Amino acid sequence: MKRHQSNSGTTLLEVLIAVAVASIALISFISLVITSTDIEGHARKVTEATLIADDKLKEIERTGFPETGKVTGSIDDEQHEGFTYTLTVTETPIAQVRQIDIEVFWEKGKRSVNLMTLIVKE
């Protein structure tokens, strides 16, 4: 008995292999999209925290030469919900200069941004 084999068309094995390769590619793509979304969300929070810290530093510059000490608080603005900060003013070896450190936290203190500046008494 002779078997007649056709070279045209696709076999079930070829279809299964194609589906497997497409599935692997799709899963990789979905994983990439999820990761990029997480990274974008983190970058947005870092930017927001940096802007909050910058606003606090500008507020100190407007009020004048600060007293030394440490202040902790939360951001009351609805736009920046879930952020807290710690502001530390310390003396430097130069009497007319103070160091200001502000750290802004989010995700219940798990992540933060820290800015430092020096202010001179006029």
PDB file of N, CA and C in Angstrom:
ATOM      1  N   MET A   1       0.810  -1.172   0.000  1.00  0.00           N
ATOM      2  CA  MET A   1       0.000   0.000   0.000  1.00  0.00           C
ATOM      3  C   MET A   1       0.865   1.252   0.000  1.00  0.00           C
ATOM      4  N   LYS A   2       0.577   2.115  -0.866  1.00  0.00           N
ATOM      5  CA  LYS A   2       1.293   3.386  -0.943  1.00  0.00           C
ATOM      6  C   LYS A   2       0.543   4.457  -0.168  1.00  0.00           C
ATOM      7  N   ARG A   3       1.323   5.229   0.571  1.00  0.00           N
ATOM      8  CA  ARG A   3       0.726   6.370   1.268  1.00  0.00           C
ATOM      9  C   ARG A   3       0.892   7.600   0.393  1.00  0.00           C
ATOM     10  N   HIS A   4      -0.154   8.329   0.337  1.00  0.00           N
ATOM     11  CA  HIS A   4      -0.107   9.552  -0.449  1.00  0.00           C
ATOM     12  C   HIS A   4       0.067  10.729   0.505  1.00  0.00           C
ATOM     13  N   GLN A   5       1.196  11.424   0.424  1.00  0.00           N
ATOM     14  CA  GLN A   5       1.462  12.586   1.280  1.00  0.00           C
ATOM     15  C   GLN A   5       1.358  13.854   0.454  1.00  0.00           C
ATOM     16  N   SER A   6       0.700  14.813   1.040  1.00  0.00           N
ATOM     17  CA  SER A   6       0.529  16.087   0.372  1.00  0.00           C
ATOM     18  C   SER A   6       1.530  17.091   0.948  1.00  0.00           C
ATOM     19  N   ASN A   7       2.186  17.792   0.100  1.00  0.00           N
ATOM     20  CA  ASN A   7       3.129  18.821   0.540  1.00  0.00           C
ATOM     21  C   ASN A   7       2.457  20.182   0.672  1.00  0.00           C
ATOM     22  N   SER A   8       1.228  20.273   0.256  1.00  0.00           N
ATOM     23  CA  SER A   8       0.535  21.550   0.357  1.00  0.00           C
ATOM     24  C   SER A   8      -0.326  21.538   1.622  1.00  0.00           C
ATOM     25  N   GLY A   9      -0.599  22.740   2.179  1.00  0.00           N
ATOM     26  CA  GLY A   9      -1.402  22.834   3.391  1.00  0.00           C
ATOM     27  C   GLY A   9      -0.526  22.745   4.634  1.00  0.00           C
ATOM     28  N   THR A  10      -1.168  22.842   5.802  1.00  0.00           N
ATOM     29  CA  THR A  10      -0.434  22.779   7.052  1.00  0.00           C
ATOM     30  C   THR A  10      -0.914  21.594   7.875  1.00  0.00           C
ATOM     31  N   THR A  11      -0.025  21.072   8.625  1.00  0.00           N
ATOM     32  CA  THR A  11      -0.384  19.936   9.476  1.00  0.00           C
ATOM     33  C   THR A  11      -0.801  20.462  10.841  1.00  0.00           C
ATOM     34  N   LEU A  12      -1.430  19.628  11.613  1.00  0.00           N
ATOM     35  CA  LEU A  12      -1.855  20.001  12.964  1.00  0.00           C
ATOM     36  C   LEU A  12      -0.651  20.387  13.821  1.00  0.00           C
ATOM     37  N   LEU A  13       0.465  19.702  13.666  1.00  0.00           N
ATOM     38  CA  LEU A  13       1.679  20.011  14.431  1.00  0.00           C
ATOM     39  C   LEU A  13       2.186  21.404  14.101  1.00  0.00           C
ATOM     40  N   GLU A  14       2.171  21.795  12.859  1.00  0.00           N
ATOM     41  CA  GLU A  14       2.617  23.135  12.468  1.00  0.00           C
ATOM     42  C   GLU A  14       1.708  24.210  13.062  1.00  0.00           C
ATOM     43  N   VAL A  15       0.405  23.944  13.082  1.00  0.00           N
ATOM     44  CA  VAL A  15      -0.540  24.891  13.657  1.00  0.00           C
ATOM     45  C   VAL A  15      -0.292  25.035  15.162  1.00  0.00           C
ATOM     46  N   LEU A  16      -0.083  23.907  15.854  1.00  0.00           N
ATOM     47  CA  LEU A  16       0.181  23.948  17.291  1.00  0.00           C
ATOM     48  C   LEU A  16       1.464  24.708  17.612  1.00  0.00           C
ATOM     49  N   ILE A  17       2.489  24.500  16.821  1.00  0.00           N
ATOM     50  CA  ILE A  17       3.756  25.216  17.028  1.00  0.00           C
ATOM     51  C   ILE A  17       3.557  26.716  16.812  1.00  0.00           C
ATOM     52  N   ALA A  18       2.816  27.089  15.782  1.00  0.00           N
ATOM     53  CA  ALA A  18       2.553  28.504  15.502  1.00  0.00           C
ATOM     54  C   ALA A  18       1.757  29.148  16.641  1.00  0.00           C
ATOM     55  N   VAL A  19       0.764  28.437  17.162  1.00  0.00           N
ATOM     56  CA  VAL A  19      -0.036  28.950  18.274  1.00  0.00           C
ATOM     57  C   VAL A  19       0.836  29.099  19.525  1.00  0.00           C
ATOM     58  N   ALA A  20       1.718  28.149  19.779  1.00  0.00           N
ATOM     59  CA  ALA A  20       2.603  28.217  20.942  1.00  0.00           C
ATOM     60  C   ALA A  20       3.544  29.419  20.840  1.00  0.00           C
ATOM     61  N   VAL A  21       4.127  29.628  19.677  1.00  0.00           N
ATOM     62  CA  VAL A  21       5.038  30.769  19.481  1.00  0.00           C
ATOM     63  C   VAL A  21       4.275  32.080  19.646  1.00  0.00           C
ATOM     64  N   ALA A  22       3.077  32.165  19.079  1.00  0.00           N
ATOM     65  CA  ALA A  22       2.274  33.381  19.198  1.00  0.00           C
ATOM     66  C   ALA A  22       1.884  33.626  20.655  1.00  0.00           C
ATOM     67  N   SER A  23       1.571  32.573  21.397  1.00  0.00           N
ATOM     68  CA  SER A  23       1.206  32.708  22.810  1.00  0.00           C
ATOM     69  C   SER A  23       2.377  33.228  23.635  1.00  0.00           C
ATOM     70  N   ILE A  24       3.552  32.708  23.392  1.00  0.00           N
ATOM     71  CA  ILE A  24       4.740  33.161  24.112  1.00  0.00           C
ATOM     72  C   ILE A  24       5.010  34.634  23.819  1.00  0.00           C
ATOM     73  N   ALA A  25       4.871  35.025  22.562  1.00  0.00           N
ATOM     74  CA  ALA A  25       5.082  36.426  22.186  1.00  0.00           C
ATOM     75  C   ALA A  25       4.044  37.325  22.843  1.00  0.00           C
ATOM     76  N   LEU A  26       2.800  36.886  22.883  1.00  0.00           N
ATOM     77  CA  LEU A  26       1.733  37.677  23.490  1.00  0.00           C
ATOM     78  C   LEU A  26       1.939  37.824  24.992  1.00  0.00           C
ATOM     79  N   ILE A  27       2.322  36.762  25.666  1.00  0.00           N
ATOM     80  CA  ILE A  27       2.583  36.831  27.108  1.00  0.00           C
ATOM     81  C   ILE A  27       3.747  37.780  27.393  1.00  0.00           C
ATOM     82  N   SER A  28       4.784  37.720  26.583  1.00  0.00           N
ATOM     83  CA  SER A  28       5.926  38.631  26.755  1.00  0.00           C
ATOM     84  C   SER A  28       5.498  40.079  26.567  1.00  0.00           C
ATOM     85  N   PHE A  29       4.664  40.317  25.584  1.00  0.00           N
ATOM     86  CA  PHE A  29       4.189  41.675  25.316  1.00  0.00           C
ATOM     87  C   PHE A  29       3.340  42.186  26.474  1.00  0.00           C
ATOM     88  N   ILE A  30       2.448  41.361  27.000  1.00  0.00           N
ATOM     89  CA  ILE A  30       1.598  41.760  28.125  1.00  0.00           C
ATOM     90  C   ILE A  30       2.457  42.065  29.349  1.00  0.00           C
ATOM     91  N   SER A  31       3.460  41.236  29.594  1.00  0.00           N
ATOM     92  CA  SER A  31       4.366  41.469  30.717  1.00  0.00           C
ATOM     93  C   SER A  31       5.100  42.798  30.551  1.00  0.00           C
ATOM     94  N   LEU A  32       5.518  43.110  29.343  1.00  0.00           N
ATOM     95  CA  LEU A  32       6.204  44.367  29.058  1.00  0.00           C
ATOM     96  C   LEU A  32       5.279  45.559  29.308  1.00  0.00           C
ATOM     97  N   VAL A  33       4.035  45.454  28.897  1.00  0.00           N
ATOM     98  CA  VAL A  33       3.072  46.543  29.106  1.00  0.00           C
ATOM     99  C   VAL A  33       2.828  46.759  30.599  1.00  0.00           C
ATOM    100  N   ILE A  34       2.677  45.695  31.363  1.00  0.00           N
ATOM    101  CA  ILE A  34       2.455  45.819  32.805  1.00  0.00           C
ATOM    102  C   ILE A  34       3.658  46.467  33.484  1.00  0.00           C
ATOM    103  N   THR A  35       4.854  46.035  33.125  1.00  0.00           N
ATOM    104  CA  THR A  35       6.077  46.608  33.704  1.00  0.00           C
ATOM    105  C   THR A  35       6.203  48.085  33.359  1.00  0.00           C
ATOM    106  N   SER A  36       5.947  48.445  32.127  1.00  0.00           N
ATOM    107  CA  SER A  36       6.074  49.849  31.727  1.00  0.00           C
ATOM    108  C   SER A  36       5.026  50.713  32.428  1.00  0.00           C
ATOM    109  N   THR A  37       3.839  50.171  32.680  1.00  0.00           N
ATOM    110  CA  THR A  37       2.813  50.903  33.416  1.00  0.00           C
ATOM    111  C   THR A  37       3.262  51.147  34.856  1.00  0.00           C
ATOM    112  N   ASP A  38       3.862  50.141  35.487  1.00  0.00           N
ATOM    113  CA  ASP A  38       4.376  50.300  36.851  1.00  0.00           C
ATOM    114  C   ASP A  38       5.480  51.350  36.903  1.00  0.00           C
ATOM    115  N   ILE A  39       6.378  51.311  35.938  1.00  0.00           N
ATOM    116  CA  ILE A  39       7.487  52.277  35.899  1.00  0.00           C
ATOM    117  C   ILE A  39       6.955  53.684  35.687  1.00  0.00           C
ATOM    118  N   GLU A  40       5.971  53.830  34.830  1.00  0.00           N
ATOM    119  CA  GLU A  40       5.383  55.144  34.571  1.00  0.00           C
ATOM    120  C   GLU A  40       4.705  55.681  35.826  1.00  0.00           C
ATOM    121  N   GLY A  41       4.017  54.829  36.566  1.00  0.00           N
ATOM    122  CA  GLY A  41       3.375  55.246  37.813  1.00  0.00           C
ATOM    123  C   GLY A  41       4.392  55.687  38.849  1.00  0.00           C
ATOM    124  N   HIS A  42       5.496  54.950  38.946  1.00  0.00           N
ATOM    125  CA  HIS A  42       6.559  55.322  39.889  1.00  0.00           C
ATOM    126  C   HIS A  42       7.174  56.663  39.491  1.00  0.00           C
ATOM    127  N   ALA A  43       7.428  56.846  38.207  1.00  0.00           N
ATOM    128  CA  ALA A  43       8.015  58.108  37.735  1.00  0.00           C
ATOM    129  C   ALA A  43       7.082  59.283  38.027  1.00  0.00           C
ATOM    130  N   ARG A  44       5.778  59.068  37.899  1.00  0.00           N
ATOM    131  CA  ARG A  44       4.813  60.117  38.196  1.00  0.00           C
ATOM    132  C   ARG A  44       4.868  60.491  39.678  1.00  0.00           C
ATOM    133  N   LYS A  45       4.967  59.490  40.552  1.00  0.00           N
ATOM    134  CA  LYS A  45       5.041  59.745  41.988  1.00  0.00           C
ATOM    135  C   LYS A  45       6.335  60.463  42.362  1.00  0.00           C
ATOM    136  N   VAL A  46       7.451  60.082  41.747  1.00  0.00           N
ATOM    137  CA  VAL A  46       8.733  60.755  42.016  1.00  0.00           C
ATOM    138  C   VAL A  46       8.646  62.220  41.600  1.00  0.00           C
ATOM    139  N   THR A  47       8.054  62.478  40.448  1.00  0.00           N
ATOM    140  CA  THR A  47       7.897  63.854  39.982  1.00  0.00           C
ATOM    141  C   THR A  47       7.013  64.651  40.930  1.00  0.00           C
ATOM    142  N   GLU A  48       5.910  64.055  41.339  1.00  0.00           N
ATOM    143  CA  GLU A  48       4.983  64.719  42.259  1.00  0.00           C
ATOM    144  C   GLU A  48       5.666  65.021  43.594  1.00  0.00           C
ATOM    145  N   ALA A  49       6.408  64.059  44.131  1.00  0.00           N
ATOM    146  CA  ALA A  49       7.114  64.260  45.401  1.00  0.00           C
ATOM    147  C   ALA A  49       8.181  65.341  45.265  1.00  0.00           C
ATOM    148  N   THR A  50       8.865  65.385  44.143  1.00  0.00           N
ATOM    149  CA  THR A  50       9.885  66.409  43.910  1.00  0.00           C
ATOM    150  C   THR A  50       9.257  67.794  43.860  1.00  0.00           C
ATOM    151  N   LEU A  51       8.102  67.911  43.218  1.00  0.00           N
ATOM    152  CA  LEU A  51       7.413  69.200  43.159  1.00  0.00           C
ATOM    153  C   LEU A  51       6.935  69.639  44.550  1.00  0.00           C
ATOM    154  N   ILE A  52       6.468  68.692  45.353  1.00  0.00           N
ATOM    155  CA  ILE A  52       6.057  69.001  46.726  1.00  0.00           C
ATOM    156  C   ILE A  52       7.253  69.516  47.526  1.00  0.00           C
ATOM    157  N   ALA A  53       8.385  68.831  47.422  1.00  0.00           N
ATOM    158  CA  ALA A  53       9.600  69.245  48.138  1.00  0.00           C
ATOM    159  C   ALA A  53      10.045  70.627  47.683  1.00  0.00           C
ATOM    160  N   ASP A  54       9.995  70.867  46.395  1.00  0.00           N
ATOM    161  CA  ASP A  54      10.384  72.172  45.859  1.00  0.00           C
ATOM    162  C   ASP A  54       9.459  73.269  46.379  1.00  0.00           C
ATOM    163  N   ASP A  55       8.165  73.000  46.447  1.00  0.00           N
ATOM    164  CA  ASP A  55       7.225  73.983  46.993  1.00  0.00           C
ATOM    165  C   ASP A  55       7.532  74.302  48.454  1.00  0.00           C
ATOM    166  N   LYS A  56       7.869  73.274  49.239  1.00  0.00           N
ATOM    167  CA  LYS A  56       8.209  73.494  50.647  1.00  0.00           C
ATOM    168  C   LYS A  56       9.477  74.338  50.776  1.00  0.00           C
ATOM    169  N   LEU A  57      10.466  74.085  49.925  1.00  0.00           N
ATOM    170  CA  LEU A  57      11.701  74.869  49.968  1.00  0.00           C
ATOM    171  C   LEU A  57      11.440  76.323  49.573  1.00  0.00           C
ATOM    172  N   LYS A  58      10.601  76.531  48.588  1.00  0.00           N
ATOM    173  CA  LYS A  58      10.262  77.908  48.181  1.00  0.00           C
ATOM    174  C   LYS A  58       9.509  78.633  49.291  1.00  0.00           C
ATOM    175  N   GLU A  59       8.669  77.904  50.005  1.00  0.00           N
ATOM    176  CA  GLU A  59       7.943  78.481  51.128  1.00  0.00           C
ATOM    177  C   GLU A  59       8.909  78.966  52.211  1.00  0.00           C
ATOM    178  N   ILE A  60       9.951  78.190  52.470  1.00  0.00           N
ATOM    179  CA  ILE A  60      10.970  78.591  53.458  1.00  0.00           C
ATOM    180  C   ILE A  60      11.721  79.820  52.972  1.00  0.00           C
ATOM    181  N   GLU A  61      12.050  79.860  51.687  1.00  0.00           N
ATOM    182  CA  GLU A  61      12.758  81.019  51.143  1.00  0.00           C
ATOM    183  C   GLU A  61      11.925  82.291  51.285  1.00  0.00           C
ATOM    184  N   ARG A  62      10.603  82.179  51.135  1.00  0.00           N
ATOM    185  CA  ARG A  62       9.727  83.347  51.266  1.00  0.00           C
ATOM    186  C   ARG A  62       9.610  83.821  52.711  1.00  0.00           C
ATOM    187  N   THR A  63       9.664  82.900  53.665  1.00  0.00           N
ATOM    188  CA  THR A  63       9.466  83.273  55.073  1.00  0.00           C
ATOM    189  C   THR A  63      10.737  83.782  55.739  1.00  0.00           C
ATOM    190  N   GLY A  64      11.889  83.582  55.122  1.00  0.00           N
ATOM    191  CA  GLY A  64      13.124  84.099  55.697  1.00  0.00           C
ATOM    192  C   GLY A  64      14.002  83.003  56.272  1.00  0.00           C
ATOM    193  N   PHE A  65      14.998  83.439  57.008  1.00  0.00           N
ATOM    194  CA  PHE A  65      15.999  82.535  57.564  1.00  0.00           C
ATOM    195  C   PHE A  65      15.344  81.618  58.604  1.00  0.00           C
ATOM    196  N   PRO A  66      15.371  80.311  58.396  1.00  0.00           N
ATOM    197  CA  PRO A  66      14.627  79.397  59.286  1.00  0.00           C
ATOM    198  C   PRO A  66      15.378  79.069  60.573  1.00  0.00           C
ATOM    199  N   GLU A  67      14.620  78.743  61.594  1.00  0.00           N
ATOM    200  CA  GLU A  67      15.190  78.252  62.840  1.00  0.00           C
ATOM    201  C   GLU A  67      15.563  76.778  62.658  1.00  0.00           C
ATOM    202  N   THR A  68      16.540  76.305  63.427  1.00  0.00           N
ATOM    203  CA  THR A  68      16.914  74.894  63.346  1.00  0.00           C
ATOM    204  C   THR A  68      15.813  74.041  63.972  1.00  0.00           C
ATOM    205  N   GLY A  69      15.702  72.829  63.485  1.00  0.00           N
ATOM    206  CA  GLY A  69      14.701  71.913  64.026  1.00  0.00           C
ATOM    207  C   GLY A  69      14.201  70.949  62.968  1.00  0.00           C
ATOM    208  N   LYS A  70      13.245  70.139  63.393  1.00  0.00           N
ATOM    209  CA  LYS A  70      12.697  69.109  62.519  1.00  0.00           C
ATOM    210  C   LYS A  70      11.176  69.180  62.570  1.00  0.00           C
ATOM    211  N   VAL A  71      10.553  69.155  61.397  1.00  0.00           N
ATOM    212  CA  VAL A  71       9.099  69.208  61.288  1.00  0.00           C
ATOM    213  C   VAL A  71       8.644  68.049  60.422  1.00  0.00           C
ATOM    214  N   THR A  72       7.615  67.359  60.879  1.00  0.00           N
ATOM    215  CA  THR A  72       7.022  66.270  60.104  1.00  0.00           C
ATOM    216  C   THR A  72       5.558  66.590  59.889  1.00  0.00           C
ATOM    217  N   GLY A  73       5.070  66.315  58.701  1.00  0.00           N
ATOM    218  CA  GLY A  73       3.669  66.607  58.419  1.00  0.00           C
ATOM    219  C   GLY A  73       3.170  65.848  57.216  1.00  0.00           C
ATOM    220  N   SER A  74       1.904  66.039  56.938  1.00  0.00           N
ATOM    221  CA  SER A  74       1.314  65.433  55.747  1.00  0.00           C
ATOM    222  C   SER A  74       0.867  66.543  54.818  1.00  0.00           C
ATOM    223  N   ILE A  75       0.738  66.204  53.566  1.00  0.00           N
ATOM    224  CA  ILE A  75       0.306  67.169  52.566  1.00  0.00           C
ATOM    225  C   ILE A  75      -1.220  67.183  52.586  1.00  0.00           C
ATOM    226  N   ASP A  76      -1.802  68.340  52.862  1.00  0.00           N
ATOM    227  CA  ASP A  76      -3.249  68.449  53.019  1.00  0.00           C
ATOM    228  C   ASP A  76      -3.983  68.645  51.698  1.00  0.00           C
ATOM    229  N   ASP A  77      -3.256  68.863  50.644  1.00  0.00           N
ATOM    230  CA  ASP A  77      -3.843  69.104  49.331  1.00  0.00           C
ATOM    231  C   ASP A  77      -4.478  67.825  48.777  1.00  0.00           C
ATOM    232  N   GLU A  78      -5.711  67.907  48.284  1.00  0.00           N
ATOM    233  CA  GLU A  78      -6.379  66.735  47.698  1.00  0.00           C
ATOM    234  C   GLU A  78      -5.618  66.194  46.499  1.00  0.00           C
ATOM    235  N   GLN A  79      -4.963  67.066  45.790  1.00  0.00           N
ATOM    236  CA  GLN A  79      -4.210  66.673  44.595  1.00  0.00           C
ATOM    237  C   GLN A  79      -3.007  65.792  44.949  1.00  0.00           C
ATOM    238  N   HIS A  80      -2.453  65.973  46.145  1.00  0.00           N
ATOM    239  CA  HIS A  80      -1.262  65.233  46.571  1.00  0.00           C
ATOM    240  C   HIS A  80      -1.575  64.318  47.752  1.00  0.00           C
ATOM    241  N   GLU A  81      -2.636  63.612  47.668  1.00  0.00           N
ATOM    242  CA  GLU A  81      -3.068  62.744  48.754  1.00  0.00           C
ATOM    243  C   GLU A  81      -2.087  61.597  48.961  1.00  0.00           C
ATOM    244  N   GLY A  82      -1.826  61.255  50.225  1.00  0.00           N
ATOM    245  CA  GLY A  82      -0.959  60.123  50.536  1.00  0.00           C
ATOM    246  C   GLY A  82       0.512  60.464  50.677  1.00  0.00           C
ATOM    247  N   PHE A  83       0.854  61.752  50.588  1.00  0.00           N
ATOM    248  CA  PHE A  83       2.244  62.175  50.735  1.00  0.00           C
ATOM    249  C   PHE A  83       2.461  62.769  52.125  1.00  0.00           C
ATOM    250  N   THR A  84       3.600  62.459  52.724  1.00  0.00           N
ATOM    251  CA  THR A  84       4.028  63.075  53.973  1.00  0.00           C
ATOM    252  C   THR A  84       5.440  63.613  53.780  1.00  0.00           C
ATOM    253  N   TYR A  85       5.895  64.416  54.723  1.00  0.00           N
ATOM    254  CA  TYR A  85       7.244  64.978  54.585  1.00  0.00           C
ATOM    255  C   TYR A  85       7.912  65.136  55.933  1.00  0.00           C
ATOM    256  N   THR A  86       9.228  65.191  55.886  1.00  0.00           N
ATOM    257  CA  THR A  86      10.043  65.540  57.044  1.00  0.00           C
ATOM    258  C   THR A  86      10.999  66.639  56.599  1.00  0.00           C
ATOM    259  N   LEU A  87      10.946  67.758  57.304  1.00  0.00           N
ATOM    260  CA  LEU A  87      11.775  68.918  56.996  1.00  0.00           C
ATOM    261  C   LEU A  87      12.749  69.109  58.151  1.00  0.00           C
ATOM    262  N   THR A  88      14.046  69.106  57.851  1.00  0.00           N
ATOM    263  CA  THR A  88      15.076  69.254  58.877  1.00  0.00           C
ATOM    264  C   THR A  88      15.962  70.446  58.539  1.00  0.00           C
ATOM    265  N   VAL A  89      16.079  71.368  59.489  1.00  0.00           N
ATOM    266  CA  VAL A  89      16.953  72.530  59.328  1.00  0.00           C
ATOM    267  C   VAL A  89      18.081  72.378  60.333  1.00  0.00           C
ATOM    268  N   THR A  90      19.319  72.380  59.825  1.00  0.00           N
ATOM    269  CA  THR A  90      20.486  72.236  60.704  1.00  0.00           C
ATOM    270  C   THR A  90      21.474  73.371  60.468  1.00  0.00           C
ATOM    271  N   GLU A  91      22.271  73.612  61.477  1.00  0.00           N
ATOM    272  CA  GLU A  91      23.317  74.624  61.349  1.00  0.00           C
ATOM    273  C   GLU A  91      24.474  74.047  60.541  1.00  0.00           C
ATOM    274  N   THR A  92      25.239  74.933  59.972  1.00  0.00           N
ATOM    275  CA  THR A  92      26.449  74.553  59.232  1.00  0.00           C
ATOM    276  C   THR A  92      27.647  75.202  59.926  1.00  0.00           C
ATOM    277  N   PRO A  93      28.845  74.859  59.531  1.00  0.00           N
ATOM    278  CA  PRO A  93      30.020  75.520  60.138  1.00  0.00           C
ATOM    279  C   PRO A  93      30.045  77.035  59.913  1.00  0.00           C
ATOM    280  N   ILE A  94      29.304  77.496  58.932  1.00  0.00           N
ATOM    281  CA  ILE A  94      29.219  78.935  58.668  1.00  0.00           C
ATOM    282  C   ILE A  94      27.969  79.461  59.384  1.00  0.00           C
ATOM    283  N   ALA A  95      28.127  80.449  60.251  1.00  0.00           N
ATOM    284  CA  ALA A  95      27.036  80.905  61.120  1.00  0.00           C
ATOM    285  C   ALA A  95      25.829  81.441  60.349  1.00  0.00           C
ATOM    286  N   GLN A  96      26.049  82.040  59.229  1.00  0.00           N
ATOM    287  CA  GLN A  96      24.964  82.668  58.473  1.00  0.00           C
ATOM    288  C   GLN A  96      24.320  81.730  57.442  1.00  0.00           C
ATOM    289  N   VAL A  97      24.664  80.445  57.502  1.00  0.00           N
ATOM    290  CA  VAL A  97      24.161  79.479  56.522  1.00  0.00           C
ATOM    291  C   VAL A  97      23.503  78.315  57.246  1.00  0.00           C
ATOM    292  N   ARG A  98      22.335  77.916  56.769  1.00  0.00           N
ATOM    293  CA  ARG A  98      21.628  76.759  57.309  1.00  0.00           C
ATOM    294  C   ARG A  98      21.416  75.730  56.192  1.00  0.00           C
ATOM    295  N   GLN A  99      21.460  74.474  56.588  1.00  0.00           N
ATOM    296  CA  GLN A  99      21.188  73.392  55.641  1.00  0.00           C
ATOM    297  C   GLN A  99      19.739  72.949  55.833  1.00  0.00           C
ATOM    298  N   ILE A 100      19.035  72.799  54.730  1.00  0.00           N
ATOM    299  CA  ILE A 100      17.643  72.376  54.773  1.00  0.00           C
ATOM    300  C   ILE A 100      17.517  71.073  53.997  1.00  0.00           C
ATOM    301  N   ASP A 101      17.046  70.047  54.687  1.00  0.00           N
ATOM    302  CA  ASP A 101      16.782  68.753  54.068  1.00  0.00           C
ATOM    303  C   ASP A 101      15.276  68.511  54.130  1.00  0.00           C
ATOM    304  N   ILE A 102      14.705  68.139  52.994  1.00  0.00           N
ATOM    305  CA  ILE A 102      13.299  67.770  52.993  1.00  0.00           C
ATOM    306  C   ILE A 102      13.165  66.419  52.301  1.00  0.00           C
ATOM    307  N   GLU A 103      12.462  65.535  52.973  1.00  0.00           N
ATOM    308  CA  GLU A 103      12.212  64.214  52.422  1.00  0.00           C
ATOM    309  C   GLU A 103      10.701  64.038  52.322  1.00  0.00           C
ATOM    310  N   VAL A 104      10.242  63.711  51.117  1.00  0.00           N
ATOM    311  CA  VAL A 104       8.813  63.516  50.869  1.00  0.00           C
ATOM    312  C   VAL A 104       8.574  62.026  50.656  1.00  0.00           C
ATOM    313  N   PHE A 105       7.614  61.493  51.400  1.00  0.00           N
ATOM    314  CA  PHE A 105       7.325  60.059  51.388  1.00  0.00           C
ATOM    315  C   PHE A 105       5.971  59.769  50.731  1.00  0.00           C
ATOM    316  N   TRP A 106       5.847  58.575  50.166  1.00  0.00           N
ATOM    317  CA  TRP A 106       4.556  58.063  49.695  1.00  0.00           C
ATOM    318  C   TRP A 106       4.571  56.550  49.858  1.00  0.00           C
ATOM    319  N   GLU A 107       3.464  55.929  49.575  1.00  0.00           N
ATOM    320  CA  GLU A 107       3.285  54.495  49.821  1.00  0.00           C
ATOM    321  C   GLU A 107       3.580  54.162  51.279  1.00  0.00           C
ATOM    322  N   LYS A 108       2.985  54.972  52.178  1.00  0.00           N
ATOM    323  CA  LYS A 108       3.118  54.791  53.631  1.00  0.00           C
ATOM    324  C   LYS A 108       4.572  54.762  54.087  1.00  0.00           C
ATOM    325  N   GLY A 109       5.396  55.625  53.490  1.00  0.00           N
ATOM    326  CA  GLY A 109       6.792  55.763  53.897  1.00  0.00           C
ATOM    327  C   GLY A 109       7.747  54.782  53.251  1.00  0.00           C
ATOM    328  N   LYS A 110       7.268  53.939  52.345  1.00  0.00           N
ATOM    329  CA  LYS A 110       8.147  52.957  51.707  1.00  0.00           C
ATOM    330  C   LYS A 110       9.042  53.591  50.649  1.00  0.00           C
ATOM    331  N   ARG A 111       8.574  54.654  50.037  1.00  0.00           N
ATOM    332  CA  ARG A 111       9.348  55.320  48.984  1.00  0.00           C
ATOM    333  C   ARG A 111       9.472  56.797  49.325  1.00  0.00           C
ATOM    334  N   SER A 112      10.567  57.396  48.870  1.00  0.00           N
ATOM    335  CA  SER A 112      10.755  58.809  49.192  1.00  0.00           C
ATOM    336  C   SER A 112      11.686  59.497  48.203  1.00  0.00           C
ATOM    337  N   VAL A 113      11.635  60.831  48.255  1.00  0.00           N
ATOM    338  CA  VAL A 113      12.530  61.705  47.506  1.00  0.00           C
ATOM    339  C   VAL A 113      13.116  62.661  48.525  1.00  0.00           C
ATOM    340  N   ASN A 114      14.422  62.914  48.427  1.00  0.00           N
ATOM    341  CA  ASN A 114      15.100  63.778  49.381  1.00  0.00           C
ATOM    342  C   ASN A 114      15.785  64.915  48.623  1.00  0.00           C
ATOM    343  N   LEU A 115      15.502  66.153  49.039  1.00  0.00           N
ATOM    344  CA  LEU A 115      16.174  67.321  48.472  1.00  0.00           C
ATOM    345  C   LEU A 115      16.905  68.050  49.595  1.00  0.00           C
ATOM    346  N   MET A 116      18.045  68.635  49.261  1.00  0.00           N
ATOM    347  CA  MET A 116      18.835  69.385  50.223  1.00  0.00           C
ATOM    348  C   MET A 116      19.247  70.697  49.577  1.00  0.00           C
ATOM    349  N   THR A 117      19.200  71.753  50.392  1.00  0.00           N
ATOM    350  CA  THR A 117      19.660  73.049  49.916  1.00  0.00           C
ATOM    351  C   THR A 117      20.279  73.811  51.076  1.00  0.00           C
ATOM    352  N   LEU A 118      20.957  74.866  50.760  1.00  0.00           N
ATOM    353  CA  LEU A 118      21.542  75.754  51.763  1.00  0.00           C
ATOM    354  C   LEU A 118      20.881  77.123  51.617  1.00  0.00           C
ATOM    355  N   ILE A 119      20.651  77.765  52.751  1.00  0.00           N
ATOM    356  CA  ILE A 119      20.058  79.107  52.710  1.00  0.00           C
ATOM    357  C   ILE A 119      20.958  80.039  53.507  1.00  0.00           C
ATOM    358  N   VAL A 120      21.152  81.238  52.977  1.00  0.00           N
ATOM    359  CA  VAL A 120      22.033  82.230  53.579  1.00  0.00           C
ATOM    360  C   VAL A 120      21.196  83.342  54.194  1.00  0.00           C
ATOM    361  N   LYS A 121      21.573  83.745  55.395  1.00  0.00           N
ATOM    362  CA  LYS A 121      20.879  84.854  56.059  1.00  0.00           C
ATOM    363  C   LYS A 121      21.289  86.146  55.397  1.00  0.00           C
ATOM    364  N   GLU A 122      20.301  86.945  55.055  1.00  0.00           N
ATOM    365  CA  GLU A 122      20.588  88.205  54.375  1.00  0.00           C
ATOM    366  C   GLU A 122      20.706  89.344  55.339  1.00  0.00           C
TER     367      GLU A 122
END
